[in-house]
Amino acid sequence: MVYGMERYKLGDICNERYYMLPKSLFENSEFDGLSLTSKVAYAVLKDRLELSLKNGWHEDNGDVFFLFKQEELADVIGISARTVVTCIKELKKFGLIDVKRQGLKKPNKLYINKLPIFQFKKCKNFTSENEEVALQEMKDLHANDTDKSDTD
C-alpha cells in the first residue's frame, strides 16, 4: 500500500459523488469510434441534467436542456478548450447530443440524447421476439464478470 493512502471505512462510501459512465458507450459497436474523452464528457454533461431540473430548464414540449459553457466543461474534465470542441463535435456526430445556438454572447443550449437500446457485442441472440434468451445471456454474462475472484 502506498504510504498515506487510507482504506475506505463504513461511513466514507456515502460521502462520495460519482459521474455515471454508461457501459453501453463501451459495449455498443455504434460507439466504437467515440474517444474516451468524449465518453467522459457525455457522463459529465448527463450529470448536469439534475441542475437543469432544479432550474426549470426545459422546453414547452418537455425537452430538458442545459447551459454549460465549453470553458466549464474543459475545467471539469481537465482538458483544453480545443479538445472540448472536438468532444462536442464527436458527441453530435454519434447522435449523443444536440446543440442549439442562442446568439451572440449567449451560451448554447445543449440537449443530451438517450442512449439507444442495443445488442451487446457478446449477446448474439438479442431480438424483440427472443427477449427471454437475450436476458438470460445478459445475466450469464454479468455472472461471469462478477465471479472473477482472482486478484493477481
Protein backbone atom coordinates (compact mmCIF):
# COMPACT_ATOMS: atom_id res chain seq x y z
CA MET A 1 0.00 0.00 0.00
CA VAL A 2 1.25 3.48 -0.83
CA TYR A 3 2.13 5.49 2.25
CA GLY A 4 -0.61 7.90 3.28
CA MET A 5 -3.43 6.11 1.45
CA GLU A 6 -6.36 5.14 3.66
CA ARG A 7 -8.77 2.30 3.17
CA TYR A 8 -12.47 3.01 2.91
CA LYS A 9 -14.41 2.93 6.16
CA LEU A 10 -18.14 2.27 6.53
CA GLY A 11 -19.09 5.96 6.72
CA ASP A 12 -16.92 7.03 3.77
CA ILE A 13 -18.79 5.42 0.92
CA CYS A 14 -21.92 7.59 1.11
CA ASN A 15 -19.84 10.77 1.13
CA GLU A 16 -18.52 10.35 -2.40
CA ARG A 17 -20.17 11.56 -5.57
CA TYR A 18 -19.72 9.95 -8.99
CA TYR A 19 -20.33 10.56 -12.64
CA MET A 20 -22.26 7.72 -14.23
CA LEU A 21 -20.41 6.43 -17.26
CA PRO A 22 -22.80 4.18 -19.23
CA LYS A 23 -21.36 0.78 -20.14
CA SER A 24 -23.16 0.92 -23.48
CA LEU A 25 -20.69 3.60 -24.62
CA PHE A 26 -18.08 0.84 -24.42
CA GLU A 27 -20.13 -2.23 -25.34
CA ASN A 28 -22.28 -0.91 -28.18
CA SER A 29 -20.46 -1.15 -31.51
CA GLU A 30 -22.22 2.07 -32.61
CA PHE A 31 -19.78 3.93 -30.35
CA ASP A 32 -16.57 2.12 -31.33
CA GLY A 33 -15.02 5.29 -32.78
CA LEU A 34 -16.01 7.56 -29.88
CA SER A 35 -12.98 8.74 -27.91
CA LEU A 36 -12.63 8.10 -24.20
CA THR A 37 -12.58 11.85 -23.57
CA SER A 38 -15.94 12.23 -25.33
CA LYS A 39 -17.38 9.36 -23.31
CA VAL A 40 -16.34 11.12 -20.11
CA ALA A 41 -17.73 14.40 -21.44
CA TYR A 42 -21.08 12.66 -22.07
CA ALA A 43 -21.15 11.46 -18.44
CA VAL A 44 -20.34 14.94 -17.13
CA LEU A 45 -22.98 16.54 -19.35
CA LYS A 46 -25.58 13.95 -18.37
CA ASP A 47 -24.86 14.71 -14.72
CA ARG A 48 -25.88 18.32 -15.39
CA LEU A 49 -29.46 17.24 -16.15
CA GLU A 50 -30.19 17.33 -12.41
CA LEU A 51 -29.24 21.01 -12.29
CA SER A 52 -31.46 21.65 -15.31
CA LEU A 53 -34.42 20.10 -13.49
CA LYS A 54 -33.77 22.26 -10.41
CA ASN A 55 -33.53 25.39 -12.60
CA GLY A 56 -36.60 24.52 -14.68
CA TRP A 57 -34.60 24.47 -17.90
CA HIS A 58 -36.89 22.70 -20.33
CA GLU A 59 -38.77 23.44 -23.49
CA ASP A 60 -42.57 23.56 -23.70
CA ASN A 61 -42.52 20.06 -25.22
CA GLY A 62 -40.65 18.70 -22.15
CA ASP A 63 -37.15 18.51 -23.71
CA VAL A 64 -34.61 19.21 -20.96
CA PHE A 65 -31.66 21.39 -21.89
CA PHE A 66 -28.68 22.72 -20.04
CA LEU A 67 -26.40 25.67 -20.35
CA PHE A 68 -22.79 24.65 -19.99
CA LYS A 69 -20.01 26.82 -21.30
CA GLN A 70 -17.22 24.99 -23.05
CA GLU A 71 -14.72 26.56 -20.65
CA GLU A 72 -16.60 24.99 -17.72
CA LEU A 73 -16.53 21.56 -19.34
CA ALA A 74 -12.81 21.96 -20.01
CA ASP A 75 -12.21 22.81 -16.33
CA VAL A 76 -14.31 19.93 -15.01
CA ILE A 77 -12.63 17.30 -17.18
CA GLY A 78 -9.19 18.90 -17.15
CA ILE A 79 -8.83 19.27 -20.92
CA SER A 80 -8.20 22.16 -23.27
CA ALA A 81 -10.93 24.28 -24.84
CA ARG A 82 -9.86 22.90 -28.24
CA THR A 83 -10.39 19.34 -27.01
CA VAL A 84 -13.86 20.31 -25.74
CA VAL A 85 -14.73 21.50 -29.25
CA THR A 86 -13.59 18.13 -30.61
CA CYS A 87 -15.65 16.28 -27.97
CA ILE A 88 -18.78 18.29 -28.77
CA LYS A 89 -18.34 17.53 -32.47
CA GLU A 90 -17.89 13.81 -31.73
CA LEU A 91 -20.90 13.68 -29.44
CA LYS A 92 -23.02 15.39 -32.11
CA LYS A 93 -21.67 13.04 -34.81
CA PHE A 94 -22.63 9.99 -32.73
CA GLY A 95 -26.08 11.44 -32.00
CA LEU A 96 -25.48 11.76 -28.27
CA ILE A 97 -26.16 15.49 -28.01
CA ASP A 98 -27.85 18.27 -29.92
CA VAL A 99 -26.68 21.87 -29.74
CA LYS A 100 -28.91 24.89 -30.32
CA ARG A 101 -27.22 28.25 -30.76
CA GLN A 102 -28.86 31.12 -28.88
CA GLY A 103 -26.99 34.03 -30.37
CA LEU A 104 -24.11 36.37 -29.73
CA LYS A 105 -22.55 36.18 -26.25
CA LYS A 106 -25.16 33.65 -25.06
CA PRO A 107 -24.26 30.06 -24.17
CA ASN A 108 -25.56 27.35 -26.46
CA LYS A 109 -28.40 25.16 -25.29
CA LEU A 110 -27.29 21.56 -25.08
CA TYR A 111 -29.69 18.63 -25.24
CA ILE A 112 -28.43 15.23 -24.22
CA ASN A 113 -29.92 12.28 -26.07
CA LYS A 114 -30.79 8.93 -24.55
CA LEU A 115 -28.58 6.02 -25.42
CA PRO A 116 -30.22 3.60 -27.84
CA ILE A 117 -31.25 0.12 -26.81
CA PHE A 118 -28.70 -2.11 -28.47
CA GLN A 119 -27.40 -5.60 -28.90
CA PHE A 120 -24.47 -6.34 -26.62
CA LYS A 121 -21.39 -7.44 -28.56
CA LYS A 122 -21.34 -10.66 -26.53
CA CYS A 123 -25.11 -11.35 -26.72
CA LYS A 124 -25.83 -12.81 -30.13
CA ASN A 125 -29.48 -13.75 -29.63
CA PHE A 126 -31.00 -10.36 -28.75
CA THR A 127 -34.16 -9.72 -30.71
CA SER A 128 -37.52 -8.41 -29.59
CA GLU A 129 -39.01 -11.84 -30.33
CA ASN A 130 -36.39 -13.60 -28.25
CA GLU A 131 -36.08 -11.34 -25.19
CA GLU A 132 -36.00 -14.18 -22.64
CA VAL A 133 -32.95 -15.77 -24.27
CA ALA A 134 -31.22 -12.40 -24.51
CA LEU A 135 -31.97 -11.54 -20.89
CA GLN A 136 -30.58 -14.91 -19.78
CA GLU A 137 -27.44 -14.31 -21.86
CA MET A 138 -27.00 -10.90 -20.23
CA LYS A 139 -27.46 -12.44 -16.76
CA ASP A 140 -24.91 -15.15 -17.61
CA LEU A 141 -22.54 -12.51 -18.97
CA HIS A 142 -22.90 -10.45 -15.80
CA ALA A 143 -22.43 -13.52 -13.60
CA ASN A 144 -19.21 -14.35 -15.45
CA ASP A 145 -17.95 -10.78 -14.99
CA THR A 146 -18.66 -10.74 -11.25
CA ASP A 147 -17.43 -14.25 -10.47
CA LYS A 148 -13.83 -13.29 -11.05
CA SER A 149 -12.21 -13.68 -7.64
CA ASP A 150 -8.66 -13.94 -8.97
CA THR A 151 -6.96 -10.71 -7.93
CA ASP A 152 -3.46 -11.28 -9.33
